[in-house]
Amino acid sequence: MRLFEIGDEKNWARVETSVDEFKNEKAALEHFQQEFGSYINDMVNRCIFIEKEEGEVLGTATAWYGDLNGDGKTAGRIHWVGISPQYQGKKLSKPLLSAAMNILSDYHTEAYLTSQTTSYQAVNMYLNFGFEPYINEKSDHEAWTLLEGVLNRRIVVQ
């Protein structure tokens, strides 16, 4: 694992495009510039890559910051986690998430992440890691109830 270096925007875009977050790498790079361009100095401390010994980037995660409740209170945010499809299922996500959480612990006392219900394998890993559902509206509760069936596990929803 290693931290982001200037120029890694292309590696980030390649990974995030490979997991269908963007229609192509150009769109991913445009989003990167929009979201992180003015925070590039933060990226060198908060974005992690996992790679092969020869340098091929396999995945990325960002230990970012955000405002979950809209109350202006900054919390740590696990953001843009992705493992290229050909490397998924090879037990790379947990060490990547652990590294991101360690970075967050240097800056924050609370952490959150957002995910899609279609990313049920990732949601399962996040639950195993200790994250808990955050219910903001009725549809959130319904989504977690559906995930219980998909994951075949009890999910404590508060």
C-alpha atoms as a PDB file:
ATOM      1  CA  MET A   1       0.000   0.000   0.000  1.00  0.00           C
ATOM      2  CA  ARG A   2       1.043   3.556  -0.595  1.00  0.00           C
ATOM      3  CA  LEU A   3      -0.330   7.062  -0.411  1.00  0.00           C
ATOM      4  CA  PHE A   4      -1.496   9.159  -3.337  1.00  0.00           C
ATOM      5  CA  GLU A   5       1.148  11.039  -5.290  1.00  0.00           C
ATOM      6  CA  ILE A   6       0.597  13.912  -7.699  1.00  0.00           C
ATOM      7  CA  GLY A   7      -0.241  12.266 -11.021  1.00  0.00           C
ATOM      8  CA  ASP A   8      -2.178   9.389  -9.437  1.00  0.00           C
ATOM      9  CA  GLU A   9      -5.398  10.974 -10.641  1.00  0.00           C
ATOM     10  CA  LYS A  10      -5.218   8.632 -13.636  1.00  0.00           C
ATOM     11  CA  ASN A  11      -4.853   5.561 -11.402  1.00  0.00           C
ATOM     12  CA  TRP A  12      -7.826   6.699  -9.323  1.00  0.00           C
ATOM     13  CA  ALA A  13      -9.897   7.268 -12.464  1.00  0.00           C
ATOM     14  CA  ARG A  14      -8.952   3.871 -13.902  1.00  0.00           C
ATOM     15  CA  VAL A  15      -9.952   1.993 -10.751  1.00  0.00           C
ATOM     16  CA  GLU A  16     -13.212   3.905 -10.241  1.00  0.00           C
ATOM     17  CA  THR A  17     -14.160   3.462 -13.903  1.00  0.00           C
ATOM     18  CA  SER A  18     -13.418  -0.274 -13.686  1.00  0.00           C
ATOM     19  CA  VAL A  19     -16.009  -0.620 -10.897  1.00  0.00           C
ATOM     20  CA  ASP A  20     -18.630   1.188 -12.997  1.00  0.00           C
ATOM     21  CA  GLU A  21     -18.687   4.431 -11.031  1.00  0.00           C
ATOM     22  CA  PHE A  22     -18.128   6.368 -14.272  1.00  0.00           C
ATOM     23  CA  LYS A  23     -18.850   5.706 -17.948  1.00  0.00           C
ATOM     24  CA  ASN A  24     -15.205   6.312 -18.882  1.00  0.00           C
ATOM     25  CA  GLU A  25     -11.903   7.512 -17.455  1.00  0.00           C
ATOM     26  CA  LYS A  26     -12.382  11.013 -18.860  1.00  0.00           C
ATOM     27  CA  ALA A  27     -15.580  11.407 -16.824  1.00  0.00           C
ATOM     28  CA  ALA A  28     -13.800  10.002 -13.762  1.00  0.00           C
ATOM     29  CA  LEU A  29     -10.923  12.470 -14.148  1.00  0.00           C
ATOM     30  CA  GLU A  30     -13.379  15.348 -14.518  1.00  0.00           C
ATOM     31  CA  HIS A  31     -15.097  14.272 -11.312  1.00  0.00           C
ATOM     32  CA  PHE A  32     -11.763  13.883  -9.550  1.00  0.00           C
ATOM     33  CA  GLN A  33     -10.796  17.437 -10.489  1.00  0.00           C
ATOM     34  CA  GLN A  34     -14.167  18.773  -9.385  1.00  0.00           C
ATOM     35  CA  GLU A  35     -14.176  16.985  -6.023  1.00  0.00           C
ATOM     36  CA  PHE A  36     -10.489  16.817  -5.104  1.00  0.00           C
ATOM     37  CA  GLY A  37      -8.643  19.247  -7.410  1.00  0.00           C
ATOM     38  CA  SER A  38      -8.482  22.094  -4.923  1.00  0.00           C
ATOM     39  CA  TYR A  39      -7.673  19.616  -2.108  1.00  0.00           C
ATOM     40  CA  ILE A  40      -4.806  17.829  -3.851  1.00  0.00           C
ATOM     41  CA  ASN A  41      -2.489  18.451  -0.899  1.00  0.00           C
ATOM     42  CA  ASP A  42      -4.972  16.633   1.357  1.00  0.00           C
ATOM     43  CA  MET A  43      -5.090  13.708  -1.067  1.00  0.00           C
ATOM     44  CA  VAL A  44      -1.400  12.969  -0.540  1.00  0.00           C
ATOM     45  CA  ASN A  45      -2.191  12.259   3.113  1.00  0.00           C
ATOM     46  CA  ARG A  46      -5.666  10.738   2.785  1.00  0.00           C
ATOM     47  CA  CYS A  47      -5.897   8.645  -0.382  1.00  0.00           C
ATOM     48  CA  ILE A  48      -4.420   5.138  -0.407  1.00  0.00           C
ATOM     49  CA  PHE A  49      -3.611   2.777  -3.235  1.00  0.00           C
ATOM     50  CA  ILE A  50      -3.016  -0.927  -3.019  1.00  0.00           C
ATOM     51  CA  GLU A  51      -0.748  -2.174  -5.764  1.00  0.00           C
ATOM     52  CA  LYS A  52       1.337  -5.078  -6.985  1.00  0.00           C
ATOM     53  CA  GLU A  53       5.080  -5.067  -6.374  1.00  0.00           C
ATOM     54  CA  GLU A  54       5.678  -3.891  -9.946  1.00  0.00           C
ATOM     55  CA  GLY A  55       3.392  -0.906  -9.365  1.00  0.00           C
ATOM     56  CA  GLU A  56       0.082  -1.915 -10.956  1.00  0.00           C
ATOM     57  CA  VAL A  57      -2.673  -0.203  -8.945  1.00  0.00           C
ATOM     58  CA  LEU A  58      -5.358  -2.674  -7.864  1.00  0.00           C
ATOM     59  CA  GLY A  59      -7.574  -0.521  -5.658  1.00  0.00           C
ATOM     60  CA  THR A  60      -8.044   2.723  -3.814  1.00  0.00           C
ATOM     61  CA  ALA A  61      -9.784   4.226  -0.795  1.00  0.00           C
ATOM     62  CA  THR A  62      -9.889   7.751   0.534  1.00  0.00           C
ATOM     63  CA  ALA A  63      -9.934   8.726   4.219  1.00  0.00           C
ATOM     64  CA  TRP A  64     -11.822  11.933   3.582  1.00  0.00           C
ATOM     65  CA  TYR A  65     -14.029  14.219   5.601  1.00  0.00           C
ATOM     66  CA  GLY A  66     -17.663  15.118   5.415  1.00  0.00           C
ATOM     67  CA  ASP A  67     -20.756  16.360   7.172  1.00  0.00           C
ATOM     68  CA  LEU A  68     -23.206  13.481   7.513  1.00  0.00           C
ATOM     69  CA  ASN A  69     -25.936  15.332   9.382  1.00  0.00           C
ATOM     70  CA  GLY A  70     -25.637  18.706   7.691  1.00  0.00           C
ATOM     71  CA  ASP A  71     -24.901  20.284  11.064  1.00  0.00           C
ATOM     72  CA  GLY A  72     -21.474  21.621  10.101  1.00  0.00           C
ATOM     73  CA  LYS A  73     -19.679  19.082  12.286  1.00  0.00           C
ATOM     74  CA  THR A  74     -16.857  17.445  10.352  1.00  0.00           C
ATOM     75  CA  ALA A  75     -16.501  13.687  10.637  1.00  0.00           C
ATOM     76  CA  GLY A  76     -14.194  11.241   8.945  1.00  0.00           C
ATOM     77  CA  ARG A  77     -15.556   9.664   5.793  1.00  0.00           C
ATOM     78  CA  ILE A  78     -14.497   6.507   4.026  1.00  0.00           C
ATOM     79  CA  HIS A  79     -14.874   7.615   0.429  1.00  0.00           C
ATOM     80  CA  TRP A  80     -14.431   6.145  -3.049  1.00  0.00           C
ATOM     81  CA  VAL A  81     -13.445   2.606  -2.110  1.00  0.00           C
ATOM     82  CA  GLY A  82     -12.791   0.483  -5.162  1.00  0.00           C
ATOM     83  CA  ILE A  83     -10.960  -2.694  -6.107  1.00  0.00           C
ATOM     84  CA  SER A  84     -10.556  -3.464  -9.819  1.00  0.00           C
ATOM     85  CA  PRO A  85     -12.903  -6.352 -10.719  1.00  0.00           C
ATOM     86  CA  GLN A  86     -10.133  -8.800 -11.616  1.00  0.00           C
ATOM     87  CA  TYR A  87      -8.746  -8.420  -8.072  1.00  0.00           C
ATOM     88  CA  GLN A  88     -12.023  -8.526  -6.160  1.00  0.00           C
ATOM     89  CA  GLY A  89     -12.474 -11.509  -3.867  1.00  0.00           C
ATOM     90  CA  LYS A  90      -8.744 -11.688  -3.123  1.00  0.00           C
ATOM     91  CA  LYS A  91      -9.027 -10.258   0.410  1.00  0.00           C
ATOM     92  CA  LEU A  92      -7.659  -6.823  -0.515  1.00  0.00           C
ATOM     93  CA  SER A  93     -10.577  -4.706   0.721  1.00  0.00           C
ATOM     94  CA  LYS A  94     -10.091  -5.310   4.433  1.00  0.00           C
ATOM     95  CA  PRO A  95      -6.448  -4.213   4.563  1.00  0.00           C
ATOM     96  CA  LEU A  96      -7.291  -1.231   2.357  1.00  0.00           C
ATOM     97  CA  LEU A  97     -10.182  -0.240   4.619  1.00  0.00           C
ATOM     98  CA  SER A  98      -8.008  -0.779   7.718  1.00  0.00           C
ATOM     99  CA  ALA A  99      -5.360   1.565   6.327  1.00  0.00           C
ATOM    100  CA  ALA A 100      -7.992   4.200   5.518  1.00  0.00           C
ATOM    101  CA  MET A 101      -9.483   3.898   9.014  1.00  0.00           C
ATOM    102  CA  ASN A 102      -6.033   4.319  10.552  1.00  0.00           C
ATOM    103  CA  ILE A 103      -5.589   7.547   8.618  1.00  0.00           C
ATOM    104  CA  LEU A 104      -9.027   8.757   9.704  1.00  0.00           C
ATOM    105  CA  SER A 105      -8.139   8.090  13.330  1.00  0.00           C
ATOM    106  CA  ASP A 106      -5.323  10.646  13.013  1.00  0.00           C
ATOM    107  CA  TYR A 107      -7.835  13.366  12.141  1.00  0.00           C
ATOM    108  CA  HIS A 108     -11.285  12.389  13.442  1.00  0.00           C
ATOM    109  CA  THR A 109     -13.085  10.744  16.355  1.00  0.00           C
ATOM    110  CA  GLU A 110     -16.091   9.648  14.271  1.00  0.00           C
ATOM    111  CA  ALA A 111     -16.317   8.025  10.866  1.00  0.00           C
ATOM    112  CA  TYR A 112     -19.014   7.202   8.356  1.00  0.00           C
ATOM    113  CA  LEU A 113     -19.386   5.986   4.821  1.00  0.00           C
ATOM    114  CA  THR A 114     -22.110   5.809   2.242  1.00  0.00           C
ATOM    115  CA  SER A 115     -22.777   2.930  -0.097  1.00  0.00           C
ATOM    116  CA  GLN A 116     -25.400   1.628  -2.470  1.00  0.00           C
ATOM    117  CA  THR A 117     -27.625  -1.323  -1.667  1.00  0.00           C
ATOM    118  CA  THR A 118     -26.423  -2.895  -4.917  1.00  0.00           C
ATOM    119  CA  SER A 119     -22.934  -3.069  -3.375  1.00  0.00           C
ATOM    120  CA  TYR A 120     -24.134  -5.728  -0.947  1.00  0.00           C
ATOM    121  CA  GLN A 121     -20.747  -7.481  -0.684  1.00  0.00           C
ATOM    122  CA  ALA A 122     -19.106  -4.202   0.294  1.00  0.00           C
ATOM    123  CA  VAL A 123     -21.936  -3.444   2.731  1.00  0.00           C
ATOM    124  CA  ASN A 124     -21.391  -6.854   4.334  1.00  0.00           C
ATOM    125  CA  MET A 125     -17.696  -6.092   4.769  1.00  0.00           C
ATOM    126  CA  TYR A 126     -18.497  -2.671   6.271  1.00  0.00           C
ATOM    127  CA  LEU A 127     -20.900  -4.293   8.738  1.00  0.00           C
ATOM    128  CA  ASN A 128     -18.243  -6.867   9.670  1.00  0.00           C
ATOM    129  CA  PHE A 129     -15.835  -3.988  10.170  1.00  0.00           C
ATOM    130  CA  GLY A 130     -18.158  -2.449  12.758  1.00  0.00           C
ATOM    131  CA  PHE A 131     -20.071   0.156  10.785  1.00  0.00           C
ATOM    132  CA  GLU A 132     -23.746   0.414  11.684  1.00  0.00           C
ATOM    133  CA  PRO A 133     -26.726   1.505   9.590  1.00  0.00           C
ATOM    134  CA  TYR A 134     -27.694   5.141   9.732  1.00  0.00           C
ATOM    135  CA  ILE A 135     -31.403   5.671   9.263  1.00  0.00           C
ATOM    136  CA  ASN A 136     -32.388   9.096   8.036  1.00  0.00           C
ATOM    137  CA  GLU A 137     -35.732   8.338   6.406  1.00  0.00           C
ATOM    138  CA  LYS A 138     -38.233   5.503   5.946  1.00  0.00           C
ATOM    139  CA  SER A 139     -36.668   4.299   2.680  1.00  0.00           C
ATOM    140  CA  ASP A 140     -33.354   3.750   4.534  1.00  0.00           C
ATOM    141  CA  HIS A 141     -35.063   1.308   6.893  1.00  0.00           C
ATOM    142  CA  GLU A 142     -36.648  -0.495   3.944  1.00  0.00           C
ATOM    143  CA  ALA A 143     -33.287  -0.784   2.180  1.00  0.00           C
ATOM    144  CA  TRP A 144     -31.632  -2.290   5.268  1.00  0.00           C
ATOM    145  CA  THR A 145     -34.496  -4.743   5.666  1.00  0.00           C
ATOM    146  CA  LEU A 146     -33.995  -5.870   2.059  1.00  0.00           C
ATOM    147  CA  LEU A 147     -30.252  -6.216   2.665  1.00  0.00           C
ATOM    148  CA  GLU A 148     -30.901  -8.537   5.605  1.00  0.00           C
ATOM    149  CA  GLY A 149     -32.463 -10.997   3.180  1.00  0.00           C
ATOM    150  CA  VAL A 150     -29.765 -10.601   0.543  1.00  0.00           C
ATOM    151  CA  LEU A 151     -26.951 -10.979   3.071  1.00  0.00           C
ATOM    152  CA  ASN A 152     -28.770 -13.634   5.094  1.00  0.00           C
ATOM    153  CA  ARG A 153     -27.851 -11.912   8.339  1.00  0.00           C
ATOM    154  CA  ARG A 154     -29.503  -9.894  11.054  1.00  0.00           C
ATOM    155  CA  ILE A 155     -28.713  -6.194  10.795  1.00  0.00           C
ATOM    156  CA  VAL A 156     -29.443  -4.101  13.864  1.00  0.00           C
ATOM    157  CA  VAL A 157     -31.183  -0.978  12.659  1.00  0.00           C
ATOM    158  CA  GLN A 158     -31.640   1.736  15.275  1.00  0.00           C
END
